[in-house]
Structures are given as C-alpha cells and as structure tokens.
C-alpha cells in the first residue's frame, strides 16, 4: 500500500507530459496550415562562406521543375459581375423591377375584377359627384347648411334623371306600335328595292335568307333563353350598382373633404405633401371633364334630335336621349348612336331620309370634335387621340361599357397627377441641392428689375405647377 501513492504520482506526470506533447504537435500542425504552400523566394546569397544549410535548400529547389517556355501565360479569371456588359446588367435590374410591378398590377386587376360592381359604382359616384359638387358649393355660398345643400342637390339630380328615364320609356312604349308598322313597311320597301336594283337579287334568294334566319332562331332557342336569363342578371346587377352609386354620391357630396383627409393619412409621410397637392388638381381635371362632356353631349343630343325631328323620323326624343347617353363613351358612342338613328330612319322613312340623317349626324359630330371639345374642355383634360383609342379599347375589354366610360377620365386624371408629381419632384430636388457659390452663384442668381427689392423676385413656383395654397376635394 505504501507504493500506491508513488505509482499514482508517476502516472500523473506521464499523462501531463503526454498532454504537452499533443499540444505542441497541434500547434505545429496549425502553423503548417497557416504558412503559404508556395515557398518564399530565397534572398540573394551573400558573399563569403556558404552555410551548411545552403546545399540542402538548393537540393529542395531543384526538385521543383520550372514551367516550360512554350506554356502560355494564364491570366486570372475576372469577377463574374464585371464580365457581364453594363447594358445587360441595367436591363436585368430594370427587368426584375418590371416583373414585380407587373405582378402587383396583375394582383390589383384580379382584386378589382372580383369586386367589379363595387368599383364601377364608386367610379360612377365620383363622376356624378364631380357634376353636382359645384351646385352644392353654390348653395352653401347662399347660406344653406352643408346637409341641406347636399340633400337639395341630390334630390334634384336624381329627380331629373328619373324624369328623363321615364320620358324615354313613355315615348318608346307610346310609339312602339307605329314603329313596328313602319319597320314592317320599310322591310317590304327594302325588299322591293332589292328586286328592282341592279344587283340582280331574286325573290327566291330573299325568301331563302328569311327562312335561314327563322331556322337559326328556332334552333337556338335555348341559347336565346339563356341570354334572356343572363340579361335579367345584368339588370339586377345594374340596379344594385345604381343604388351603391346613389349612396356613395350622397356621402361624397356631404363628407368628401373628410374622406380625402382620411385617405391622405394612409399615404406615407414622405409622399404625403406631393399627394396632397396632386389630389385637388386631379379633382379639378375630373370636374372639368365631366362638366364639359355633359355640355357637349347635351349640344349633340339637341341638334341631332332637332334634325331627326324635322326629317319626320319617329321617336326623335328617345333617339336624342340615346345620343346624349352614348356621348359619354368617346369615339365608339358617337358611331353607335349615329348608326342607330340612321337605321331607324332607313327602316321607317326610306333611303333618302336615312342619308339626310347621316349628313346631320356627321355635321354635328365634326363640329363637336373640332370646335366644341377643344373650346369647352380646354387644356385641362387634353389627351392624345391615340391614348383615347387605346384606353377606350382596354377599358371595354376589361369591364365592358362601364370600363369604356371611365377609361378616358382615368387617363386624364393620371396625366394630371403624373405631371404635377414630376414638377414637384424637380422642385424638391432643387430645394435640397447645395446652394451655388462664387462665380456660379453670380451667374445663377436672378437679376432684379431696376428699383425693385431682392425679396420681390418671383422664383417661378407657379410655372412649375406647385401651389402652396390649401385646396379642398369633393366635399369643399
């Protein structure tokens, strides 16, 4: 038992020594890993006796063969980013951003198409509000409270629209029998004219066309019934959208200013001043467009209606109302309403009357396009004809007649907003730019008029389209 402590002490010393050896070997291995694989270039051999280690180093160096003289020099590979051309990098950067914007736009369009009825009703309410809001402002100037002015304007507007609709329906129902008789007579006259015409049309050919038309209607009875049921669904959706538009119009007329301020709170703080300045300008553009379009449509309806009435075409008043309504669809509406008037004149009064109606329609539309629209609408809502055509086509493909109606005012408002934001961004960039100094400051400084103080100099804020005054929205 007396030998056990000594044996344990020797075992501990050996374990300690073994641990130190392992630590030294680990340190040497780490040092070898840190050292570069290529041996350093030996320094110049000094004159004098060569040490004993020199032959060993030369022998080691002799084991590394030099590269052959015919081997080509291999350049280092460049960075992959720098190897891509600058134009391709710019296109890639712009491409993925455009993909993100396209995806965002696609999602927005899907959401809008899902609630298309609500969106169209709200846009229609905006158009009606833009037309009625000046009346509310005028009544408030006369001393009426905001609620009473809104109620009077809305009631008068809805009553007038209802009376016009009732009058059109009454005229159509009152003249439907006379119109059907004249249509039947007109078809017989057209048949006789075709038989006597130089086109060599025979009565058998006309009867075959009539028989084919009758057979087509008989075989497609199911499709016609389905279309009728679909028409009932469209009528229900139309009435629902009209009710939504009426309620939205009331709230926009009464509380439009507060709604606009709430919308501004949703905008980020940095972009809020620009949006706050662009909103009133967009509203002025929309108001000018709606009021100008209503006035132009009214003039078209009055003059074309008078021409149809003097030519003794039946249902002149309903046709004039249709011309007024279709005038809100740019380009397409004028063509459709004019063609409808010409067709009614053709089947009821003959070819000569139809040609005279066509002359009246073309004359009024030419006066509208070259005189009325530039004079009434002015520069506030001037949109290029190509933009009008493309926007109407796109709106019609997306949302039908409603999309075609709201396409042009949407483009006009967007044009106004983008122009103001561009001018506002340029002004903000100049405002935060470093002030010129030295000779540059003398060249850039405005020269005051003789005898005027320097503080009276106009810096051109009005020309840039920036107005610091407060403007209200639809609820002013």
Protein backbone atom coordinates (compact mmCIF):
# COMPACT_ATOMS: atom_id res chain seq x y z
CA UNK A 1 0.00 0.00 0.00
CA UNK A 2 2.92 2.35 0.56
CA UNK A 3 3.90 2.07 -3.15
CA UNK A 4 0.46 3.20 -4.44
CA UNK A 5 0.93 7.00 -3.95
CA UNK A 6 4.28 6.94 -5.80
CA UNK A 7 2.79 4.97 -8.67
CA UNK A 8 -0.11 7.39 -8.99
CA UNK A 9 2.29 10.36 -8.99
CA UNK A 10 4.37 8.88 -11.81
CA UNK A 11 1.19 8.14 -13.80
CA UNK A 12 0.04 11.73 -13.41
CA UNK A 13 3.41 13.11 -14.52
CA UNK A 14 3.39 10.88 -17.63
CA UNK A 15 -0.16 11.99 -18.52
CA UNK A 16 0.87 15.62 -18.13
CA UNK A 17 3.89 15.14 -20.36
CA UNK A 18 1.72 13.34 -22.95
CA UNK A 19 -0.76 16.24 -22.96
CA UNK A 20 2.04 18.76 -23.50
CA UNK A 21 3.32 16.75 -26.47
CA UNK A 22 -0.12 16.66 -28.02
CA UNK A 23 -0.47 20.44 -27.56
CA UNK A 24 2.91 21.04 -29.23
CA UNK A 25 2.01 18.81 -32.18
CA UNK A 26 -1.36 20.56 -32.57
CA UNK A 27 0.36 23.95 -32.55
CA UNK A 28 2.89 22.79 -35.17
CA UNK A 29 0.07 21.44 -37.41
CA UNK A 30 -1.80 24.75 -37.18
CA UNK A 31 1.36 26.67 -38.02
CA UNK A 32 1.91 24.49 -41.09
CA UNK A 33 -1.64 25.15 -42.28
CA UNK A 34 -1.25 28.92 -41.88
CA UNK A 35 2.04 29.04 -43.85
CA UNK A 36 1.64 29.50 -47.68
CA UNK A 37 2.04 26.49 -49.92
CA UNK A 38 4.47 28.31 -52.28
CA UNK A 39 7.92 28.61 -50.67
CA UNK A 40 9.29 32.12 -50.46
CA UNK A 41 11.83 33.29 -52.99
CA UNK A 42 15.32 32.86 -51.47
CA UNK A 43 17.25 36.02 -50.88
CA UNK A 44 20.49 36.78 -52.65
CA UNK A 45 23.38 34.67 -51.43
CA UNK A 46 25.81 36.93 -49.65
CA UNK A 47 29.46 36.79 -50.45
CA UNK A 48 31.55 34.71 -48.14
CA UNK A 49 31.41 31.19 -46.85
CA UNK A 50 28.15 29.33 -47.57
CA UNK A 51 26.45 27.86 -44.51
CA UNK A 52 25.94 24.15 -44.23
CA UNK A 53 22.15 24.50 -44.77
CA UNK A 54 22.55 26.09 -48.23
CA UNK A 55 23.22 22.82 -50.14
CA UNK A 56 20.09 21.32 -48.61
CA UNK A 57 17.91 24.31 -49.75
CA UNK A 58 19.35 24.19 -53.27
CA UNK A 59 18.61 20.49 -53.46
CA UNK A 60 14.99 21.08 -52.42
CA UNK A 61 14.63 23.84 -55.02
CA UNK A 62 15.99 21.54 -57.72
CA UNK A 63 13.06 19.14 -57.11
CA UNK A 64 10.52 21.84 -58.33
CA UNK A 65 10.79 21.95 -62.16
CA UNK A 66 10.30 25.35 -63.80
CA UNK A 67 7.39 25.79 -66.27
CA UNK A 68 8.21 25.11 -69.92
CA UNK A 69 8.98 28.07 -72.13
CA UNK A 70 6.22 27.20 -74.63
CA UNK A 71 3.46 27.20 -71.94
CA UNK A 72 1.03 30.17 -72.43
CA UNK A 73 0.56 32.61 -69.65
CA UNK A 74 -2.80 32.06 -67.93
CA UNK A 75 -4.48 35.29 -66.79
CA UNK A 76 -6.51 35.44 -63.63
CA UNK A 77 -10.26 34.96 -64.11
CA UNK A 78 -12.22 38.23 -63.78
CA UNK A 79 -15.09 38.81 -61.41
CA UNK A 80 -18.33 37.37 -62.95
CA UNK A 81 -20.16 40.64 -62.28
CA UNK A 82 -17.57 42.69 -64.14
CA UNK A 83 -17.62 40.19 -67.03
CA UNK A 84 -21.32 41.00 -67.75
CA UNK A 85 -21.80 44.02 -70.04
CA UNK A 86 -23.13 47.18 -68.45
CA UNK A 87 -26.22 47.31 -70.66
CA UNK A 88 -27.18 43.74 -69.75
CA UNK A 89 -26.80 44.50 -66.05
CA UNK A 90 -29.03 47.58 -66.40
CA UNK A 91 -31.59 45.55 -68.35
CA UNK A 92 -31.58 42.83 -65.67
CA UNK A 93 -32.02 45.38 -62.88
CA UNK A 94 -34.90 47.03 -64.72
CA UNK A 95 -36.34 43.65 -65.72
CA UNK A 96 -36.92 42.22 -62.27
CA UNK A 97 -38.40 45.52 -61.10
CA UNK A 98 -40.77 45.50 -64.07
CA UNK A 99 -41.72 41.92 -63.19
CA UNK A 100 -42.53 42.98 -59.63
CA UNK A 101 -44.65 45.89 -60.93
CA UNK A 102 -46.40 43.62 -63.43
CA UNK A 103 -47.17 41.10 -60.68
CA UNK A 104 -48.52 43.86 -58.44
CA UNK A 105 -50.67 45.20 -61.28
CA UNK A 106 -51.96 41.71 -62.05
CA UNK A 107 -52.97 41.17 -58.42
CA UNK A 108 -54.70 44.56 -58.37
CA UNK A 109 -56.61 43.74 -61.54
CA UNK A 110 -57.70 40.41 -60.10
CA UNK A 111 -58.96 42.12 -56.96
CA UNK A 112 -60.75 44.80 -58.99
CA UNK A 113 -62.37 42.18 -61.25
CA UNK A 114 -63.58 40.32 -58.16
CA UNK A 115 -65.36 43.46 -56.89
CA UNK A 116 -66.02 44.98 -60.30
CA UNK A 117 -69.58 46.03 -59.47
CA UNK A 118 -68.48 47.97 -56.38
CA UNK A 119 -65.60 49.65 -58.21
CA UNK A 120 -67.76 50.75 -61.16
CA UNK A 121 -70.44 52.01 -58.78
CA UNK A 122 -67.92 54.09 -56.84
CA UNK A 123 -66.38 55.49 -60.04
CA UNK A 124 -69.85 56.40 -61.30
CA UNK A 125 -70.48 58.11 -57.96
CA UNK A 126 -67.27 60.10 -58.42
CA UNK A 127 -68.41 61.23 -61.88
CA UNK A 128 -71.86 62.24 -60.62
CA UNK A 129 -70.28 63.99 -57.62
CA UNK A 130 -67.96 65.93 -59.91
CA UNK A 131 -71.02 67.09 -61.84
CA UNK A 132 -73.14 68.02 -58.79
CA UNK A 133 -70.46 69.38 -56.42
CA UNK A 134 -70.40 72.91 -57.94
CA UNK A 135 -74.14 73.15 -57.22
CA UNK A 136 -73.55 72.19 -53.57
CA UNK A 137 -70.81 74.82 -53.30
CA UNK A 138 -73.09 77.47 -54.83
CA UNK A 139 -75.93 76.63 -52.41
CA UNK A 140 -73.54 76.82 -49.46
CA UNK A 141 -72.46 80.28 -50.64
CA UNK A 142 -76.13 81.28 -50.46
CA UNK A 143 -76.14 80.33 -46.76
CA UNK A 144 -77.62 76.82 -46.79
CA UNK A 145 -76.09 74.27 -44.37
CA UNK A 146 -73.97 71.53 -45.86
CA UNK A 147 -76.54 68.81 -45.17
CA UNK A 148 -79.43 70.75 -46.66
CA UNK A 149 -77.40 71.80 -49.72
CA UNK A 150 -76.39 68.19 -50.29
CA UNK A 151 -79.96 66.92 -49.91
CA UNK A 152 -81.41 69.53 -52.28
CA UNK A 153 -78.75 68.89 -54.93
CA UNK A 154 -79.03 65.10 -54.72
CA UNK A 155 -82.83 65.11 -54.81
CA UNK A 156 -82.96 67.48 -57.77
CA UNK A 157 -80.33 65.49 -59.65
CA UNK A 158 -81.99 62.12 -59.06
CA UNK A 159 -85.44 63.51 -59.87
CA UNK A 160 -84.22 64.95 -63.18
CA UNK A 161 -82.52 61.68 -64.11
CA UNK A 162 -85.66 59.73 -63.18
CA UNK A 163 -87.91 62.03 -65.20
CA UNK A 164 -85.68 61.70 -68.26
CA UNK A 165 -85.72 57.90 -67.96
CA UNK A 166 -89.49 57.85 -67.52
CA UNK A 167 -89.97 60.13 -70.52
CA UNK A 168 -87.82 57.91 -72.72
CA UNK A 169 -89.70 54.76 -71.69
CA UNK A 170 -93.03 56.51 -72.20
CA UNK A 171 -92.05 57.68 -75.70
CA UNK A 172 -90.87 54.20 -76.68
CA UNK A 173 -94.00 52.47 -75.38
CA UNK A 174 -96.27 55.09 -76.96
CA UNK A 175 -94.65 54.76 -80.41
CA UNK A 176 -93.86 51.05 -80.42
CA UNK A 177 -96.93 50.12 -82.47
CA UNK A 178 -96.35 52.85 -85.04
CA UNK A 179 -92.68 51.97 -85.17
CA UNK A 180 -93.39 48.26 -85.73
CA UNK A 181 -95.79 49.07 -88.58
CA UNK A 182 -93.25 51.38 -90.18
CA UNK A 183 -90.50 48.81 -89.74
CA UNK A 184 -92.66 46.20 -91.49
CA UNK A 185 -93.43 48.64 -94.28
CA UNK A 186 -89.80 49.62 -94.52
CA UNK A 187 -88.72 45.99 -94.82
CA UNK A 188 -91.22 45.49 -97.67
CA UNK A 189 -89.95 48.63 -99.41
CA UNK A 190 -86.37 47.43 -98.98
CA UNK A 191 -87.34 44.07 -100.47
CA UNK A 192 -88.95 45.71 -103.48
CA UNK A 193 -85.92 47.96 -103.93
CA UNK A 194 -83.60 44.98 -103.90
CA UNK A 195 -85.75 43.22 -106.53
CA UNK A 196 -85.63 46.27 -108.82
CA UNK A 197 -81.98 47.08 -108.08
CA UNK A 198 -79.10 46.35 -110.49
CA UNK A 199 -77.76 43.72 -108.07
CA UNK A 200 -79.95 41.01 -109.71
CA UNK A 201 -81.41 39.80 -106.41
CA UNK A 202 -84.30 37.37 -106.88
CA UNK A 203 -87.29 36.84 -104.61
CA UNK A 204 -86.24 33.23 -104.02
CA UNK A 205 -82.91 34.42 -102.60
CA UNK A 206 -84.65 36.84 -100.26
CA UNK A 207 -87.05 34.12 -99.10
CA UNK A 208 -84.12 31.76 -98.52
CA UNK A 209 -82.38 34.36 -96.36
CA UNK A 210 -85.57 34.88 -94.34
CA UNK A 211 -86.07 31.12 -93.97
CA UNK A 212 -82.46 30.60 -92.82
CA UNK A 213 -82.88 33.39 -90.28
CA UNK A 214 -86.09 31.84 -88.97
CA UNK A 215 -84.48 28.39 -88.75
CA UNK A 216 -81.47 29.83 -86.91
CA UNK A 217 -83.71 31.48 -84.35
CA UNK A 218 -85.69 28.25 -83.91
CA UNK A 219 -82.66 26.02 -83.43
CA UNK A 220 -81.01 28.43 -80.98
CA UNK A 221 -83.98 28.81 -78.68
CA UNK A 222 -82.01 27.50 -75.70
CA UNK A 223 -79.21 29.98 -76.29
CA UNK A 224 -81.71 32.83 -76.66
CA UNK A 225 -83.42 31.81 -73.40
CA UNK A 226 -80.05 31.65 -71.64
CA UNK A 227 -79.19 35.10 -72.98
CA UNK A 228 -82.53 36.37 -71.66
CA UNK A 229 -81.83 34.99 -68.20
CA UNK A 230 -78.38 36.48 -68.33
CA UNK A 231 -79.97 39.78 -69.25
CA UNK A 232 -82.14 39.57 -66.12
CA UNK A 233 -79.00 39.00 -64.03
CA UNK A 234 -77.35 42.01 -65.66
CA UNK A 235 -80.43 44.10 -64.88
CA UNK A 236 -80.31 43.07 -61.22
CA UNK A 237 -76.60 43.92 -61.06
CA UNK A 238 -77.33 47.26 -62.75
CA UNK A 239 -79.96 48.17 -60.15
CA UNK A 240 -77.62 47.14 -57.33
CA UNK A 241 -74.79 49.22 -58.77
CA UNK A 242 -77.15 52.17 -59.19
CA UNK A 243 -78.17 52.03 -55.53
CA UNK A 244 -74.50 51.82 -54.46
CA UNK A 245 -73.68 54.78 -56.69
CA UNK A 246 -76.53 56.83 -55.19
CA UNK A 247 -75.41 56.20 -51.60
CA UNK A 248 -71.78 56.85 -52.49
CA UNK A 249 -72.74 60.11 -54.19
CA UNK A 250 -74.61 61.31 -51.11
CA UNK A 251 -71.65 60.65 -48.81
CA UNK A 252 -69.14 62.15 -51.24
CA UNK A 253 -71.20 65.32 -51.58
CA UNK A 254 -71.70 65.64 -47.83
CA UNK A 255 -68.39 64.44 -46.41
CA UNK A 256 -65.94 64.38 -49.32
CA UNK A 257 -63.37 66.64 -47.66
CA UNK A 258 -63.13 64.47 -44.57
CA UNK A 259 -62.88 61.31 -46.72
CA UNK A 260 -59.99 62.89 -48.65
CA UNK A 261 -58.16 63.75 -45.42
CA UNK A 262 -58.60 60.17 -44.22
CA UNK A 263 -57.14 58.88 -47.50
CA UNK A 264 -54.13 61.17 -47.03
CA UNK A 265 -53.42 59.53 -43.66
CA UNK A 266 -52.91 56.21 -45.46
CA UNK A 267 -50.12 57.69 -47.60
CA UNK A 268 -46.53 57.51 -46.24
CA UNK A 269 -45.36 60.71 -44.60
CA UNK A 270 -42.62 61.38 -47.15
CA UNK A 271 -45.01 61.17 -50.11
CA UNK A 272 -47.93 62.90 -48.38
CA UNK A 273 -47.13 66.52 -49.46
CA UNK A 274 -46.94 65.54 -53.13
CA UNK A 275 -50.17 63.51 -52.98
CA UNK A 276 -51.90 66.33 -51.08
CA UNK A 277 -51.01 68.73 -53.90
CA UNK A 278 -51.90 66.30 -56.71
CA UNK A 279 -55.33 65.41 -55.30
CA UNK A 280 -57.07 68.79 -55.78
CA UNK A 281 -55.62 69.11 -59.28
CA UNK A 282 -56.89 65.65 -60.18
CA UNK A 283 -60.33 66.60 -58.84
CA UNK A 284 -60.36 69.80 -60.92
CA UNK A 285 -59.46 67.78 -64.02
CA UNK A 286 -62.24 65.27 -63.34
CA UNK A 287 -64.77 68.04 -62.71
CA UNK A 288 -63.79 69.84 -65.92
CA UNK A 289 -64.05 66.60 -67.90
CA UNK A 290 -67.49 65.66 -66.55
CA UNK A 291 -69.00 69.13 -66.94
CA UNK A 292 -67.50 69.56 -70.42
CA UNK A 293 -68.66 66.11 -71.55
CA UNK A 294 -72.19 66.74 -70.26
CA UNK A 295 -72.35 70.06 -72.10
CA UNK A 296 -71.01 68.58 -75.35
CA UNK A 297 -73.37 65.59 -75.11
CA UNK A 298 -76.32 67.92 -74.48
CA UNK A 299 -75.47 70.02 -77.53
CA UNK A 300 -75.13 66.89 -79.68
CA UNK A 301 -78.43 65.49 -78.47
CA UNK A 302 -80.29 68.76 -79.03
CA UNK A 303 -79.05 69.45 -82.56
CA UNK A 304 -79.19 65.85 -83.82
CA UNK A 305 -82.60 65.43 -82.18
CA UNK A 306 -83.88 68.57 -83.90
CA UNK A 307 -82.56 67.32 -87.24
CA UNK A 308 -84.27 63.95 -86.77
CA UNK A 309 -87.49 65.67 -85.72
CA UNK A 310 -87.54 67.95 -88.78
CA UNK A 311 -86.97 64.91 -91.01
CA UNK A 312 -90.10 63.30 -89.51
CA UNK A 313 -88.24 60.29 -88.10
CA UNK A 314 -90.29 58.58 -85.35
CA UNK A 315 -89.09 58.53 -81.74
CA UNK A 316 -86.88 61.59 -82.18
CA UNK A 317 -86.81 62.30 -78.43
CA UNK A 318 -85.73 58.77 -77.35
CA UNK A 319 -83.07 58.80 -80.04
CA UNK A 320 -81.81 62.17 -78.76
CA UNK A 321 -81.61 60.74 -75.22
CA UNK A 322 -79.66 57.73 -76.52
CA UNK A 323 -77.29 60.11 -78.33
CA UNK A 324 -76.78 62.03 -75.06
CA UNK A 325 -76.01 58.86 -73.08
CA UNK A 326 -73.71 57.33 -75.70
CA UNK A 327 -71.73 60.58 -75.91
CA UNK A 328 -70.06 59.62 -72.62
CA UNK A 329 -68.28 56.78 -74.48
CA UNK A 330 -65.62 58.55 -76.57
CA UNK A 331 -65.38 57.65 -80.27
CA UNK A 332 -67.48 54.48 -80.04
CA UNK A 333 -70.56 56.12 -78.54
CA UNK A 334 -70.92 58.68 -81.33
CA UNK A 335 -70.65 55.98 -84.00
CA UNK A 336 -73.17 53.66 -82.31
CA UNK A 337 -75.76 56.37 -81.61
CA UNK A 338 -75.44 57.85 -85.10
CA UNK A 339 -75.77 54.41 -86.70
CA UNK A 340 -78.89 53.71 -84.60
CA UNK A 341 -80.50 56.94 -85.79
CA UNK A 342 -79.64 56.18 -89.43
CA UNK A 343 -81.03 52.62 -89.19
CA UNK A 344 -84.31 53.84 -87.66
CA UNK A 345 -84.64 56.44 -90.41
CA UNK A 346 -83.85 53.82 -93.07
CA UNK A 347 -86.48 51.28 -91.99
CA UNK A 348 -89.16 53.87 -91.30
CA UNK A 349 -88.76 56.69 -93.84
CA UNK A 350 -86.59 55.35 -96.61
CA UNK A 351 -83.12 55.72 -98.08
CA UNK A 352 -83.24 59.49 -98.74
CA UNK A 353 -84.25 60.31 -95.16
CA UNK A 354 -81.57 57.97 -93.85
CA UNK A 355 -78.93 59.77 -95.96
CA UNK A 356 -80.13 63.14 -94.65
CA UNK A 357 -79.93 61.87 -91.05
CA UNK A 358 -76.39 60.64 -91.76
CA UNK A 359 -75.45 64.11 -93.04
CA UNK A 360 -76.87 65.75 -89.89
CA UNK A 361 -75.07 63.31 -87.59
CA UNK A 362 -71.72 63.73 -89.36
CA UNK A 363 -72.01 67.53 -89.43
CA UNK A 364 -72.79 67.79 -85.71
CA UNK A 365 -70.05 65.35 -84.77
CA UNK A 366 -67.48 67.24 -86.85
CA UNK A 367 -68.45 70.49 -85.13
CA UNK A 368 -68.20 68.70 -81.79
CA UNK A 369 -64.75 67.26 -82.45
CA UNK A 370 -63.13 70.38 -83.92
CA UNK A 371 -64.92 73.20 -82.10
CA UNK A 372 -66.86 72.19 -79.02
CA UNK A 373 -64.44 69.81 -77.31
CA UNK A 374 -61.30 71.98 -77.70
CA UNK A 375 -63.23 75.09 -76.61
CA UNK A 376 -65.20 73.58 -73.70
CA UNK A 377 -62.80 71.00 -72.32
CA UNK A 378 -59.67 73.05 -72.95
CA UNK A 379 -56.15 72.08 -71.97
CA UNK A 380 -57.17 70.72 -68.55
CA UNK A 381 -58.25 67.34 -69.94
CA UNK A 382 -56.43 67.26 -73.27
CA UNK A 383 -55.50 63.67 -74.08
CA UNK A 384 -53.82 62.43 -77.26
CA UNK A 385 -56.25 60.66 -79.65
CA UNK A 386 -54.10 57.51 -79.60
CA UNK A 387 -54.33 57.42 -75.80
CA UNK A 388 -58.12 57.85 -76.09
CA UNK A 389 -58.46 54.95 -78.54
CA UNK A 390 -56.23 52.60 -76.57
CA UNK A 391 -57.79 53.48 -73.21
CA UNK A 392 -61.35 53.02 -74.50
CA UNK A 393 -60.41 49.67 -76.08
CA UNK A 394 -58.66 48.47 -72.92
CA UNK A 395 -61.49 49.66 -70.67
CA UNK A 396 -64.07 47.93 -72.84
CA UNK A 397 -62.12 44.67 -72.82
CA UNK A 398 -61.67 44.76 -69.04
CA UNK A 399 -65.04 45.98 -67.81
CA UNK A 400 -67.36 46.33 -70.79
CA UNK A 401 -69.35 49.53 -71.31
CA UNK A 402 -68.57 50.80 -67.80
CA UNK A 403 -64.84 50.42 -68.40
CA UNK A 404 -65.09 52.28 -71.72
CA UNK A 405 -66.92 55.15 -69.98
CA UNK A 406 -64.39 55.61 -67.17
CA UNK A 407 -61.26 54.96 -69.28
CA UNK A 408 -60.76 58.48 -70.66
CA UNK A 409 -61.33 60.39 -67.39
CA UNK A 410 -58.99 57.94 -65.66
CA UNK A 411 -56.28 58.63 -68.25
CA UNK A 412 -56.85 62.40 -67.97
CA UNK A 413 -56.60 62.33 -64.17
CA UNK A 414 -53.49 60.13 -64.31
CA UNK A 415 -51.87 62.53 -66.76
CA UNK A 416 -52.54 65.46 -64.42
CA UNK A 417 -51.23 63.63 -61.35
CA UNK A 418 -48.05 62.43 -63.06
CA UNK A 419 -47.31 65.89 -64.43
CA UNK A 420 -47.72 67.53 -61.04
CA UNK A 421 -45.64 64.93 -59.21
CA UNK A 422 -42.84 65.32 -61.77
CA UNK A 423 -42.80 69.10 -61.30
CA UNK A 424 -43.00 68.70 -57.53
CA UNK A 425 -40.09 66.25 -57.51
CA UNK A 426 -37.94 68.61 -59.58
CA UNK A 427 -38.70 71.49 -57.22
CA UNK A 428 -37.85 69.39 -54.16
CA UNK A 429 -34.57 68.29 -55.76
CA UNK A 430 -33.62 71.91 -56.46
CA UNK A 431 -34.63 72.94 -52.97
CA UNK A 432 -32.41 70.34 -51.27
CA UNK A 433 -29.48 70.83 -53.68
CA UNK A 434 -26.43 72.72 -52.32
CA UNK A 435 -26.61 76.44 -52.89
CA UNK A 436 -24.30 77.81 -55.63
CA UNK A 437 -21.37 79.91 -54.56
CA UNK A 438 -18.68 82.05 -56.14
CA UNK A 439 -18.95 82.79 -59.85
CA UNK A 440 -21.66 80.12 -60.24
CA UNK A 441 -23.85 81.92 -57.74
CA UNK A 442 -23.46 85.20 -59.62
CA UNK A 443 -24.42 83.52 -62.87
CA UNK A 444 -27.38 81.63 -61.38
CA UNK A 445 -28.79 84.41 -59.23
CA UNK A 446 -31.89 86.13 -60.65
CA UNK A 447 -31.42 89.72 -61.66
CA UNK A 448 -33.96 92.05 -60.03
CA UNK A 449 -35.68 94.72 -62.01
CA UNK A 450 -34.33 98.25 -61.59
CA UNK A 451 -35.70 99.77 -58.43
CA UNK A 452 -37.23 96.54 -57.06
CA UNK A 453 -36.05 94.97 -53.80
CA UNK A 454 -34.46 91.50 -53.96
CA UNK A 455 -37.24 89.88 -51.92
CA UNK A 456 -39.85 90.67 -54.61
CA UNK A 457 -38.22 88.30 -57.10
CA UNK A 458 -40.54 85.57 -58.37
CA UNK A 459 -38.88 82.16 -58.28
CA UNK A 460 -41.32 80.59 -60.73
CA UNK A 461 -43.27 78.29 -58.40
CA UNK A 462 -46.43 78.89 -60.39
CA UNK A 463 -44.75 77.85 -63.64
CA UNK A 464 -43.58 74.61 -62.09
CA UNK A 465 -47.16 73.78 -61.22
CA UNK A 466 -46.65 73.96 -57.44
CA UNK A 467 -49.18 75.85 -55.44
CA UNK A 468 -48.84 76.01 -51.69
CA UNK A 469 -52.41 77.05 -51.08
CA UNK A 470 -54.87 74.70 -49.44
CA UNK A 471 -57.46 73.19 -51.74
CA UNK A 472 -60.40 71.02 -50.91
CA UNK A 473 -61.60 67.86 -52.55
CA UNK A 474 -65.13 66.87 -53.49
CA UNK A 475 -66.57 67.97 -50.19
CA UNK A 476 -65.49 71.58 -50.32
